[in-house]
Amino acid sequence: MKITKTAVVSVVGRPNVGKSTLTNKLVGQKVAIVSSKPQTTRTRITGLLNKNGTQYVFLDTPGLHKPRTQLGDYMCKVVTDTVSEVDAAMLVVEPIANIGPAEESLIAQIKAHHMPAVLVINKIDTVKKEELLNVIATYAAAHEFEAVVPISARTGEGLDDLLGELSKYAIEGPQLFPEDMVSDQPERQLVAEIIREKMLRLLDREVPHGVAVGIERWHEREDGLVEINAVIYCEKASHKGIIIGKQGAMLREIGKQARGDIERMLDAKVYLELWVKVKEGWRNNQYQMRNFGYEEQ
């Protein structure tokens, strides 16, 4: 079907409410990494869906939190910038009848920009209906949302209703991205993010929050094998030891899990080699942050 309308929609909320899971489910494949740890998403990720003549452009953003590093400042600025430059915003919240500081801040920004906003209550498969009504009443008292849509990003429940609401903000015009694109991220960036996702899932506490991944070499051989050399940068020598693990066991597991996802994404056999280097304090160094792709968008 020919694309005649576009809807650019920001996906905002505090950390761990399921924004990236929702974006992936809407797009129909993985464009954003997911973990149970806060601040998994560090930059704005574009997910694309073409449906019923409309191109939906979803801007998945980092969770709004109280920053403790320059990287944290950057992540929060990504959120506030994104709220102001879209056709509509989705405020994604958990089914809890309490509005926290992050939600209050985002509602204030939505009001300040006179932005049409849909309240998306995620994880409804974890609560009873009576609890859901309390959540709806709590948020209705704080802001007059254009619509309230209860969903489960995990199961897909309610997503058709959500798209129905978002279609109201589509405007006439040419499509912004080619038909076959699902994200604007380069393959190298997607691969680096997949490697980081595995560290978030496999490593404890603070270690994965201080890592960045750089792709040093990418070679596509004639026989179809893709050779990728990636460097994991961490902030402390002690973290390097944890990432490598006893006799290299943890690094091998990170590589094994990442390679499986990368092969599915590229639809090709992959040889993945990982190295670990220490780059102290990179999260508070603007130059290093730019090197890792965290720069003004």
Foldseek 3Di string as FASTA:
>chain_A
DAAFWEFEEEEAAAFQLCLQLLLCLQLVHHFAFDDNDAQLDQAWWWFWDDDPNYIYTYTYAHGQDDDDALSNVLRNVRVLVSLQPGLAYEYEDELALDQDPSNLVSVVSCVVNVHAYEYEHEPPVVDDPVSNVSNVVSVVVVDPHPYYFYYYSVVGPRVVVVVVVSVVSIDGDHDPDDPPDGIPDDLQLSLQSLLLSLCSHPDDDPWSVFKFKHWDDWDQDPVFEIETEMEIEGADPVSQDVCCDDVRVNVVVSVVSSQVVSCVVVVTHYDYHYHYYYDHPLRRPPVSCVVRPSDDD
